[in-house]
């Protein structure tokens, strides 16, 4: 019998930061340098900016390094399982 493996939909994102509707020219310049970012509305006037959507943690780590090197020091990685945010440790366990 073939073992049916459940498809685990885990994505890793690099969060660059959270800002209001308007961000200053310096920050926008840094965002343009890294490229490939997305602006997501959180609530009211708050938006989070993310770079990438990766299926492996190592890809996200590489991207985070690029983002940090561009001057965004508060950058971090978060994971989502079927669209729900989960802890990185849990995501890694699910991927094993």
PDB file of N, CA and C in Angstrom:
ATOM      1  N   UNK A   1       0.841  -1.212   0.000  1.00  0.00           N
ATOM      2  CA  UNK A   1       0.000   0.000   0.000  1.00  0.00           C
ATOM      3  C   UNK A   1       0.864   1.247   0.000  1.00  0.00           C
ATOM      4  N   UNK A   2       0.428   2.186  -0.794  1.00  0.00           N
ATOM      5  CA  UNK A   2       1.142   3.467  -0.815  1.00  0.00           C
ATOM      6  C   UNK A   2       0.705   4.320   0.361  1.00  0.00           C
ATOM      7  N   UNK A   3       1.688   4.979   0.959  1.00  0.00           N
ATOM      8  CA  UNK A   3       1.375   5.885   2.067  1.00  0.00           C
ATOM      9  C   UNK A   3       0.941   7.223   1.473  1.00  0.00           C
ATOM     10  N   UNK A   4      -0.195   7.703   1.916  1.00  0.00           N
ATOM     11  CA  UNK A   4      -0.680   8.991   1.431  1.00  0.00           C
ATOM     12  C   UNK A   4      -0.130  10.069   2.356  1.00  0.00           C
ATOM     13  N   UNK A   5       0.640  10.963   1.764  1.00  0.00           N
ATOM     14  CA  UNK A   5       1.250  12.013   2.571  1.00  0.00           C
ATOM     15  C   UNK A   5       0.376  13.263   2.494  1.00  0.00           C
ATOM     16  N   UNK A   6       0.040  13.779   3.645  1.00  0.00           N
ATOM     17  CA  UNK A   6      -0.783  14.984   3.696  1.00  0.00           C
ATOM     18  C   UNK A   6       0.026  16.162   3.159  1.00  0.00           C
ATOM     19  N   UNK A   7      -0.610  16.986   2.359  1.00  0.00           N
ATOM     20  CA  UNK A   7       0.057  18.170   1.848  1.00  0.00           C
ATOM     21  C   UNK A   7       0.037  19.231   2.947  1.00  0.00           C
ATOM     22  N   UNK A   8       1.221  19.648   3.331  1.00  0.00           N
ATOM     23  CA  UNK A   8       1.343  20.648   4.389  1.00  0.00           C
ATOM     24  C   UNK A   8       1.651  21.983   3.729  1.00  0.00           C
ATOM     25  N   UNK A   9       0.722  22.909   3.829  1.00  0.00           N
ATOM     26  CA  UNK A   9       0.897  24.215   3.200  1.00  0.00           C
ATOM     27  C   UNK A   9       1.476  25.200   4.218  1.00  0.00           C
ATOM     28  N   UNK A  10       2.804  25.212   4.283  1.00  0.00           N
ATOM     29  CA  UNK A  10       3.485  26.121   5.203  1.00  0.00           C
ATOM     30  C   UNK A  10       4.287  27.116   4.387  1.00  0.00           C
ATOM     31  N   UNK A  11       4.135  28.373   4.716  1.00  0.00           N
ATOM     32  CA  UNK A  11       4.867  29.441   4.047  1.00  0.00           C
ATOM     33  C   UNK A  11       5.598  30.266   5.099  1.00  0.00           C
ATOM     34  N   UNK A  12       6.784  30.718   4.714  1.00  0.00           N
ATOM     35  CA  UNK A  12       7.574  31.592   5.580  1.00  0.00           C
ATOM     36  C   UNK A  12       7.637  32.971   4.934  1.00  0.00           C
ATOM     37  N   UNK A  13       7.460  33.993   5.759  1.00  0.00           N
ATOM     38  CA  UNK A  13       7.468  35.375   5.292  1.00  0.00           C
ATOM     39  C   UNK A  13       8.516  36.167   6.065  1.00  0.00           C
ATOM     40  N   UNK A  14       9.102  37.135   5.405  1.00  0.00           N
ATOM     41  CA  UNK A  14      10.044  38.035   6.061  1.00  0.00           C
ATOM     42  C   UNK A  14       9.308  39.351   6.271  1.00  0.00           C
ATOM     43  N   UNK A  15       9.036  39.661   7.532  1.00  0.00           N
ATOM     44  CA  UNK A  15       8.360  40.938   7.816  1.00  0.00           C
ATOM     45  C   UNK A  15       9.415  42.022   7.957  1.00  0.00           C
ATOM     46  N   UNK A  16       9.295  43.030   7.109  1.00  0.00           N
ATOM     47  CA  UNK A  16      10.248  44.136   7.090  1.00  0.00           C
ATOM     48  C   UNK A  16       9.920  45.129   8.193  1.00  0.00           C
ATOM     49  N   UNK A  17       8.637  45.445   8.329  1.00  0.00           N
ATOM     50  CA  UNK A  17       8.219  46.397   9.346  1.00  0.00           C
ATOM     51  C   UNK A  17       6.756  46.758   9.198  1.00  0.00           C
ATOM     52  N   UNK A  18       6.293  47.570  10.128  1.00  0.00           N
ATOM     53  CA  UNK A  18       4.911  48.068  10.103  1.00  0.00           C
ATOM     54  C   UNK A  18       4.975  49.586  10.135  1.00  0.00           C
ATOM     55  N   UNK A  19       4.274  50.212   9.214  1.00  0.00           N
ATOM     56  CA  UNK A  19       4.238  51.667   9.142  1.00  0.00           C
ATOM     57  C   UNK A  19       2.812  52.141   8.882  1.00  0.00           C
ATOM     58  N   UNK A  20       2.634  53.440   9.007  1.00  0.00           N
ATOM     59  CA  UNK A  20       1.364  54.057   8.669  1.00  0.00           C
ATOM     60  C   UNK A  20       1.205  54.113   7.159  1.00  0.00           C
ATOM     61  N   UNK A  21       0.132  54.763   6.738  1.00  0.00           N
ATOM     62  CA  UNK A  21      -0.186  54.830   5.309  1.00  0.00           C
ATOM     63  C   UNK A  21       0.957  55.426   4.484  1.00  0.00           C
ATOM     64  N   UNK A  22       1.557  56.481   4.995  1.00  0.00           N
ATOM     65  CA  UNK A  22       2.658  57.137   4.274  1.00  0.00           C
ATOM     66  C   UNK A  22       3.978  56.799   4.949  1.00  0.00           C
ATOM     67  N   UNK A  23       4.958  56.367   4.162  1.00  0.00           N
ATOM     68  CA  UNK A  23       6.282  56.141   4.728  1.00  0.00           C
ATOM     69  C   UNK A  23       7.248  57.159   4.126  1.00  0.00           C
ATOM     70  N   UNK A  24       8.283  57.475   4.878  1.00  0.00           N
ATOM     71  CA  UNK A  24       9.193  58.527   4.404  1.00  0.00           C
ATOM     72  C   UNK A  24      10.035  58.066   3.210  1.00  0.00           C
ATOM     73  N   UNK A  25      10.634  59.033   2.538  1.00  0.00           N
ATOM     74  CA  UNK A  25      11.390  58.763   1.306  1.00  0.00           C
ATOM     75  C   UNK A  25      12.576  57.846   1.562  1.00  0.00           C
ATOM     76  N   UNK A  26      13.223  57.992   2.716  1.00  0.00           N
ATOM     77  CA  UNK A  26      14.370  57.148   3.061  1.00  0.00           C
ATOM     78  C   UNK A  26      13.948  55.680   3.141  1.00  0.00           C
ATOM     79  N   UNK A  27      12.864  55.429   3.859  1.00  0.00           N
ATOM     80  CA  UNK A  27      12.362  54.059   4.002  1.00  0.00           C
ATOM     81  C   UNK A  27      11.923  53.509   2.647  1.00  0.00           C
ATOM     82  N   UNK A  28      11.223  54.310   1.866  1.00  0.00           N
ATOM     83  CA  UNK A  28      10.773  53.871   0.547  1.00  0.00           C
ATOM     84  C   UNK A  28      11.975  53.546  -0.337  1.00  0.00           C
ATOM     85  N   UNK A  29      13.025  54.353  -0.247  1.00  0.00           N
ATOM     86  CA  UNK A  29      14.247  54.095  -1.020  1.00  0.00           C
ATOM     87  C   UNK A  29      14.853  52.751  -0.665  1.00  0.00           C
ATOM     88  N   UNK A  30      14.882  52.445   0.641  1.00  0.00           N
ATOM     89  CA  UNK A  30      15.424  51.155   1.088  1.00  0.00           C
ATOM     90  C   UNK A  30      14.550  50.002   0.598  1.00  0.00           C
ATOM     91  N   UNK A  31      13.225  50.203   0.631  1.00  0.00           N
ATOM     92  CA  UNK A  31      12.306  49.168   0.132  1.00  0.00           C
ATOM     93  C   UNK A  31      12.551  48.911  -1.356  1.00  0.00           C
ATOM     94  N   UNK A  32      12.731  49.986  -2.101  1.00  0.00           N
ATOM     95  CA  UNK A  32      12.956  49.836  -3.541  1.00  0.00           C
ATOM     96  C   UNK A  32      14.272  49.113  -3.811  1.00  0.00           C
ATOM     97  N   UNK A  33      15.253  49.298  -2.933  1.00  0.00           N
ATOM     98  CA  UNK A  33      16.543  48.617  -3.077  1.00  0.00           C
ATOM     99  C   UNK A  33      16.381  47.108  -2.957  1.00  0.00           C
ATOM    100  N   UNK A  34      15.589  46.656  -1.969  1.00  0.00           N
ATOM    101  CA  UNK A  34      15.439  45.203  -1.794  1.00  0.00           C
ATOM    102  C   UNK A  34      14.463  44.604  -2.805  1.00  0.00           C
ATOM    103  N   UNK A  35      13.465  45.381  -3.235  1.00  0.00           N
ATOM    104  CA  UNK A  35      12.506  44.889  -4.226  1.00  0.00           C
ATOM    105  C   UNK A  35      11.704  43.688  -3.738  1.00  0.00           C
ATOM    106  N   UNK A  36      10.718  43.305  -4.507  1.00  0.00           N
ATOM    107  CA  UNK A  36       9.927  42.119  -4.223  1.00  0.00           C
ATOM    108  C   UNK A  36       9.154  42.146  -2.916  1.00  0.00           C
ATOM    109  N   UNK A  37       8.794  43.330  -2.468  1.00  0.00           N
ATOM    110  CA  UNK A  37       8.048  43.437  -1.208  1.00  0.00           C
ATOM    111  C   UNK A  37       6.574  43.650  -1.492  1.00  0.00           C
ATOM    112  N   UNK A  38       5.786  43.454  -0.462  1.00  0.00           N
ATOM    113  CA  UNK A  38       4.332  43.590  -0.570  1.00  0.00           C
ATOM    114  C   UNK A  38       3.829  44.360   0.645  1.00  0.00           C
ATOM    115  N   UNK A  39       2.844  45.208   0.422  1.00  0.00           N
ATOM    116  CA  UNK A  39       2.228  46.013   1.487  1.00  0.00           C
ATOM    117  C   UNK A  39       0.881  45.386   1.822  1.00  0.00           C
ATOM    118  N   UNK A  40       0.674  45.069   3.101  1.00  0.00           N
ATOM    119  CA  UNK A  40      -0.572  44.427   3.524  1.00  0.00           C
ATOM    120  C   UNK A  40      -1.254  45.282   4.587  1.00  0.00           C
ATOM    121  N   UNK A  41      -2.510  45.619   4.348  1.00  0.00           N
ATOM    122  CA  UNK A  41      -3.273  46.427   5.304  1.00  0.00           C
ATOM    123  C   UNK A  41      -3.571  45.601   6.544  1.00  0.00           C
ATOM    124  N   UNK A  42      -3.247  46.136   7.725  1.00  0.00           N
ATOM    125  CA  UNK A  42      -3.531  45.429   8.976  1.00  0.00           C
ATOM    126  C   UNK A  42      -4.836  45.949   9.560  1.00  0.00           C
ATOM    127  N   UNK A  43      -4.844  47.240   9.889  1.00  0.00           N
ATOM    128  CA  UNK A  43      -6.050  47.883  10.426  1.00  0.00           C
ATOM    129  C   UNK A  43      -5.851  49.388  10.374  1.00  0.00           C
ATOM    130  N   UNK A  44      -6.944  50.106  10.325  1.00  0.00           N
ATOM    131  CA  UNK A  44      -6.916  51.574  10.280  1.00  0.00           C
ATOM    132  C   UNK A  44      -5.819  52.041   9.331  1.00  0.00           C
ATOM    133  N   UNK A  45      -4.844  52.786   9.867  1.00  0.00           N
ATOM    134  CA  UNK A  45      -3.779  53.331   9.037  1.00  0.00           C
ATOM    135  C   UNK A  45      -2.489  52.525   9.108  1.00  0.00           C
ATOM    136  N   UNK A  46      -2.551  51.270   9.545  1.00  0.00           N
ATOM    137  CA  UNK A  46      -1.345  50.462   9.694  1.00  0.00           C
ATOM    138  C   UNK A  46      -1.193  49.436   8.575  1.00  0.00           C
ATOM    139  N   UNK A  47       0.029  49.357   8.069  1.00  0.00           N
ATOM    140  CA  UNK A  47       0.353  48.424   7.003  1.00  0.00           C
ATOM    141  C   UNK A  47       1.626  47.672   7.360  1.00  0.00           C
ATOM    142  N   UNK A  48       1.625  46.361   7.093  1.00  0.00           N
ATOM    143  CA  UNK A  48       2.873  45.629   7.284  1.00  0.00           C
ATOM    144  C   UNK A  48       3.475  45.387   5.911  1.00  0.00           C
ATOM    145  N   UNK A  49       4.776  45.431   5.885  1.00  0.00           N
ATOM    146  CA  UNK A  49       5.514  45.228   4.647  1.00  0.00           C
ATOM    147  C   UNK A  49       6.274  43.918   4.776  1.00  0.00           C
ATOM    148  N   UNK A  50       6.087  43.042   3.790  1.00  0.00           N
ATOM    149  CA  UNK A  50       6.761  41.750   3.820  1.00  0.00           C
ATOM    150  C   UNK A  50       7.576  41.559   2.543  1.00  0.00           C
ATOM    151  N   UNK A  51       8.594  40.720   2.650  1.00  0.00           N
ATOM    152  CA  UNK A  51       9.423  40.377   1.497  1.00  0.00           C
ATOM    153  C   UNK A  51       9.360  38.872   1.343  1.00  0.00           C
ATOM    154  N   UNK A  52       8.767  38.435   0.261  1.00  0.00           N
ATOM    155  CA  UNK A  52       8.775  37.023  -0.061  1.00  0.00           C
ATOM    156  C   UNK A  52       7.721  36.173   0.597  1.00  0.00           C
ATOM    157  N   UNK A  53       7.657  34.980   0.079  1.00  0.00           N
ATOM    158  CA  UNK A  53       6.694  33.963   0.470  1.00  0.00           C
ATOM    159  C   UNK A  53       7.413  32.662   0.114  1.00  0.00           C
ATOM    160  N   UNK A  54       7.986  32.012   1.122  1.00  0.00           N
ATOM    161  CA  UNK A  54       8.875  30.883   0.872  1.00  0.00           C
ATOM    162  C   UNK A  54       8.346  29.590   1.466  1.00  0.00           C
ATOM    163  N   UNK A  55       8.627  28.494   0.791  1.00  0.00           N
ATOM    164  CA  UNK A  55       8.196  27.202   1.313  1.00  0.00           C
ATOM    165  C   UNK A  55       9.281  26.564   2.180  1.00  0.00           C
ATOM    166  N   UNK A  56      10.488  27.158   2.173  1.00  0.00           N
ATOM    167  CA  UNK A  56      11.528  26.627   3.057  1.00  0.00           C
ATOM    168  C   UNK A  56      12.045  27.737   3.977  1.00  0.00           C
ATOM    169  N   UNK A  57      12.380  27.326   5.193  1.00  0.00           N
ATOM    170  CA  UNK A  57      12.887  28.273   6.186  1.00  0.00           C
ATOM    171  C   UNK A  57      14.226  28.853   5.734  1.00  0.00           C
ATOM    172  N   UNK A  58      15.076  28.027   5.124  1.00  0.00           N
ATOM    173  CA  UNK A  58      16.402  28.507   4.711  1.00  0.00           C
ATOM    174  C   UNK A  58      16.299  29.614   3.656  1.00  0.00           C
ATOM    175  N   UNK A  59      15.328  29.514   2.747  1.00  0.00           N
ATOM    176  CA  UNK A  59      15.126  30.580   1.757  1.00  0.00           C
ATOM    177  C   UNK A  59      14.745  31.882   2.459  1.00  0.00           C
ATOM    178  N   UNK A  60      13.881  31.763   3.469  1.00  0.00           N
ATOM    179  CA  UNK A  60      13.452  32.947   4.213  1.00  0.00           C
ATOM    180  C   UNK A  60      14.621  33.560   4.980  1.00  0.00           C
ATOM    181  N   UNK A  61      15.500  32.721   5.523  1.00  0.00           N
ATOM    182  CA  UNK A  61      16.675  33.210   6.248  1.00  0.00           C
ATOM    183  C   UNK A  61      17.583  34.003   5.306  1.00  0.00           C
ATOM    184  N   UNK A  62      17.777  33.486   4.093  1.00  0.00           N
ATOM    185  CA  UNK A  62      18.598  34.191   3.099  1.00  0.00           C
ATOM    186  C   UNK A  62      17.986  35.550   2.759  1.00  0.00           C
ATOM    187  N   UNK A  63      16.675  35.565   2.571  1.00  0.00           N
ATOM    188  CA  UNK A  63      15.984  36.810   2.231  1.00  0.00           C
ATOM    189  C   UNK A  63      16.060  37.795   3.389  1.00  0.00           C
ATOM    190  N   UNK A  64      15.919  37.288   4.616  1.00  0.00           N
ATOM    191  CA  UNK A  64      16.002  38.152   5.790  1.00  0.00           C
ATOM    192  C   UNK A  64      17.366  38.833   5.841  1.00  0.00           C
ATOM    193  N   UNK A  65      18.426  38.100   5.532  1.00  0.00           N
ATOM    194  CA  UNK A  65      19.780  38.673   5.522  1.00  0.00           C
ATOM    195  C   UNK A  65      19.868  39.838   4.541  1.00  0.00           C
ATOM    196  N   UNK A  66      19.292  39.659   3.357  1.00  0.00           N
ATOM    197  CA  UNK A  66      19.285  40.731   2.349  1.00  0.00           C
ATOM    198  C   UNK A  66      18.569  41.963   2.887  1.00  0.00           C
ATOM    199  N   UNK A  67      17.425  41.727   3.525  1.00  0.00           N
ATOM    200  CA  UNK A  67      16.611  42.835   4.041  1.00  0.00           C
ATOM    201  C   UNK A  67      17.355  43.569   5.159  1.00  0.00           C
ATOM    202  N   UNK A  68      17.975  42.816   6.076  1.00  0.00           N
ATOM    203  CA  UNK A  68      18.744  43.419   7.174  1.00  0.00           C
ATOM    204  C   UNK A  68      19.914  44.221   6.612  1.00  0.00           C
ATOM    205  N   UNK A  69      20.574  43.677   5.602  1.00  0.00           N
ATOM    206  CA  UNK A  69      21.700  44.380   4.980  1.00  0.00           C
ATOM    207  C   UNK A  69      21.278  45.674   4.293  1.00  0.00           C
ATOM    208  N   UNK A  70      19.998  45.801   4.005  1.00  0.00           N
ATOM    209  CA  UNK A  70      19.475  47.031   3.396  1.00  0.00           C
ATOM    210  C   UNK A  70      19.095  48.066   4.449  1.00  0.00           C
ATOM    211  N   UNK A  71      19.281  47.712   5.732  1.00  0.00           N
ATOM    212  CA  UNK A  71      19.048  48.687   6.789  1.00  0.00           C
ATOM    213  C   UNK A  71      17.800  48.480   7.622  1.00  0.00           C
ATOM    214  N   UNK A  72      17.071  47.389   7.391  1.00  0.00           N
ATOM    215  CA  UNK A  72      15.866  47.123   8.181  1.00  0.00           C
ATOM    216  C   UNK A  72      16.228  46.160   9.316  1.00  0.00           C
ATOM    217  N   UNK A  73      16.579  46.717  10.468  1.00  0.00           N
ATOM    218  CA  UNK A  73      17.122  45.895  11.555  1.00  0.00           C
ATOM    219  C   UNK A  73      16.054  45.177  12.382  1.00  0.00           C
ATOM    220  N   UNK A  74      14.797  45.571  12.287  1.00  0.00           N
ATOM    221  CA  UNK A  74      13.735  44.931  13.070  1.00  0.00           C
ATOM    222  C   UNK A  74      13.049  43.800  12.303  1.00  0.00           C
ATOM    223  N   UNK A  75      13.647  43.387  11.217  1.00  0.00           N
ATOM    224  CA  UNK A  75      13.102  42.346  10.359  1.00  0.00           C
ATOM    225  C   UNK A  75      13.050  41.003  11.081  1.00  0.00           C
ATOM    226  N   UNK A  76      11.994  40.244  10.826  1.00  0.00           N
ATOM    227  CA  UNK A  76      11.911  38.894  11.391  1.00  0.00           C
ATOM    228  C   UNK A  76      11.136  37.981  10.449  1.00  0.00           C
ATOM    229  N   UNK A  77      11.247  36.682  10.696  1.00  0.00           N
ATOM    230  CA  UNK A  77      10.562  35.680   9.879  1.00  0.00           C
ATOM    231  C   UNK A  77       9.357  35.162  10.660  1.00  0.00           C
ATOM    232  N   UNK A  78       8.244  34.999   9.961  1.00  0.00           N
ATOM    233  CA  UNK A  78       7.098  34.335  10.586  1.00  0.00           C
ATOM    234  C   UNK A  78       6.566  33.280   9.620  1.00  0.00           C
ATOM    235  N   UNK A  79       5.804  32.342  10.171  1.00  0.00           N
ATOM    236  CA  UNK A  79       5.284  31.238   9.364  1.00  0.00           C
ATOM    237  C   UNK A  79       3.763  31.232   9.389  1.00  0.00           C
ATOM    238  N   UNK A  80       3.195  30.699   8.315  1.00  0.00           N
ATOM    239  CA  UNK A  80       1.746  30.491   8.247  1.00  0.00           C
ATOM    240  C   UNK A  80       1.492  29.063   7.790  1.00  0.00           C
ATOM    241  N   UNK A  81       0.510  28.448   8.432  1.00  0.00           N
ATOM    242  CA  UNK A  81       0.077  27.096   8.073  1.00  0.00           C
ATOM    243  C   UNK A  81      -1.352  27.220   7.587  1.00  0.00           C
ATOM    244  N   UNK A  82      -1.575  26.923   6.303  1.00  0.00           N
ATOM    245  CA  UNK A  82      -2.892  27.100   5.678  1.00  0.00           C
ATOM    246  C   UNK A  82      -3.463  28.494   5.949  1.00  0.00           C
ATOM    247  N   UNK A  83      -2.588  29.501   5.889  1.00  0.00           N
ATOM    248  CA  UNK A  83      -3.010  30.891   6.051  1.00  0.00           C
ATOM    249  C   UNK A  83      -3.117  31.380   7.485  1.00  0.00           C
ATOM    250  N   UNK A  84      -2.825  30.509   8.465  1.00  0.00           N
ATOM    251  CA  UNK A  84      -2.898  30.894   9.879  1.00  0.00           C
ATOM    252  C   UNK A  84      -1.482  30.996  10.435  1.00  0.00           C
ATOM    253  N   UNK A  85      -1.200  32.093  11.122  1.00  0.00           N
ATOM    254  CA  UNK A  85       0.141  32.302  11.658  1.00  0.00           C
ATOM    255  C   UNK A  85       0.442  31.305  12.774  1.00  0.00           C
ATOM    256  N   UNK A  86       1.614  30.676  12.679  1.00  0.00           N
ATOM    257  CA  UNK A  86       2.063  29.715  13.694  1.00  0.00           C
ATOM    258  C   UNK A  86       3.514  30.023  14.060  1.00  0.00           C
ATOM    259  N   UNK A  87       3.993  29.383  15.132  1.00  0.00           N
ATOM    260  CA  UNK A  87       5.376  29.564  15.560  1.00  0.00           C
ATOM    261  C   UNK A  87       6.319  28.878  14.566  1.00  0.00           C
ATOM    262  N   UNK A  88       7.514  29.447  14.394  1.00  0.00           N
ATOM    263  CA  UNK A  88       8.520  28.878  13.489  1.00  0.00           C
ATOM    264  C   UNK A  88       8.837  27.434  13.878  1.00  0.00           C
ATOM    265  N   UNK A  89       9.004  27.199  15.183  1.00  0.00           N
ATOM    266  CA  UNK A  89       9.329  25.846  15.667  1.00  0.00           C
ATOM    267  C   UNK A  89       8.261  24.841  15.236  1.00  0.00           C
ATOM    268  N   UNK A  90       7.002  25.247  15.353  1.00  0.00           N
ATOM    269  CA  UNK A  90       5.887  24.381  14.956  1.00  0.00           C
ATOM    270  C   UNK A  90       5.923  24.136  13.446  1.00  0.00           C
ATOM    271  N   UNK A  91       6.213  25.183  12.682  1.00  0.00           N
ATOM    272  CA  UNK A  91       6.276  25.045  11.215  1.00  0.00           C
ATOM    273  C   UNK A  91       7.359  24.054  10.813  1.00  0.00           C
ATOM    274  N   UNK A  92       8.516  24.153  11.464  1.00  0.00           N
ATOM    275  CA  UNK A  92       9.619  23.240  11.148  1.00  0.00           C
ATOM    276  C   UNK A  92       9.240  21.790  11.475  1.00  0.00           C
ATOM    277  N   UNK A  93       8.535  21.593  12.594  1.00  0.00           N
ATOM    278  CA  UNK A  93       8.107  20.239  12.982  1.00  0.00           C
ATOM    279  C   UNK A  93       7.122  19.676  11.950  1.00  0.00           C
ATOM    280  N   UNK A  94       6.200  20.509  11.505  1.00  0.00           N
ATOM    281  CA  UNK A  94       5.205  20.057  10.517  1.00  0.00           C
ATOM    282  C   UNK A  94       5.851  19.687   9.182  1.00  0.00           C
ATOM    283  N   UNK A  95       6.955  20.341   8.876  1.00  0.00           N
ATOM    284  CA  UNK A  95       7.623  20.091   7.597  1.00  0.00           C
ATOM    285  C   UNK A  95       8.473  18.807   7.615  1.00  0.00           C
ATOM    286  N   UNK A  96       8.736  18.271   8.786  1.00  0.00           N
ATOM    287  CA  UNK A  96       9.570  17.061   8.871  1.00  0.00           C
ATOM    288  C   UNK A  96       8.818  15.816   8.429  1.00  0.00           C
TER     289      UNK A  96
END
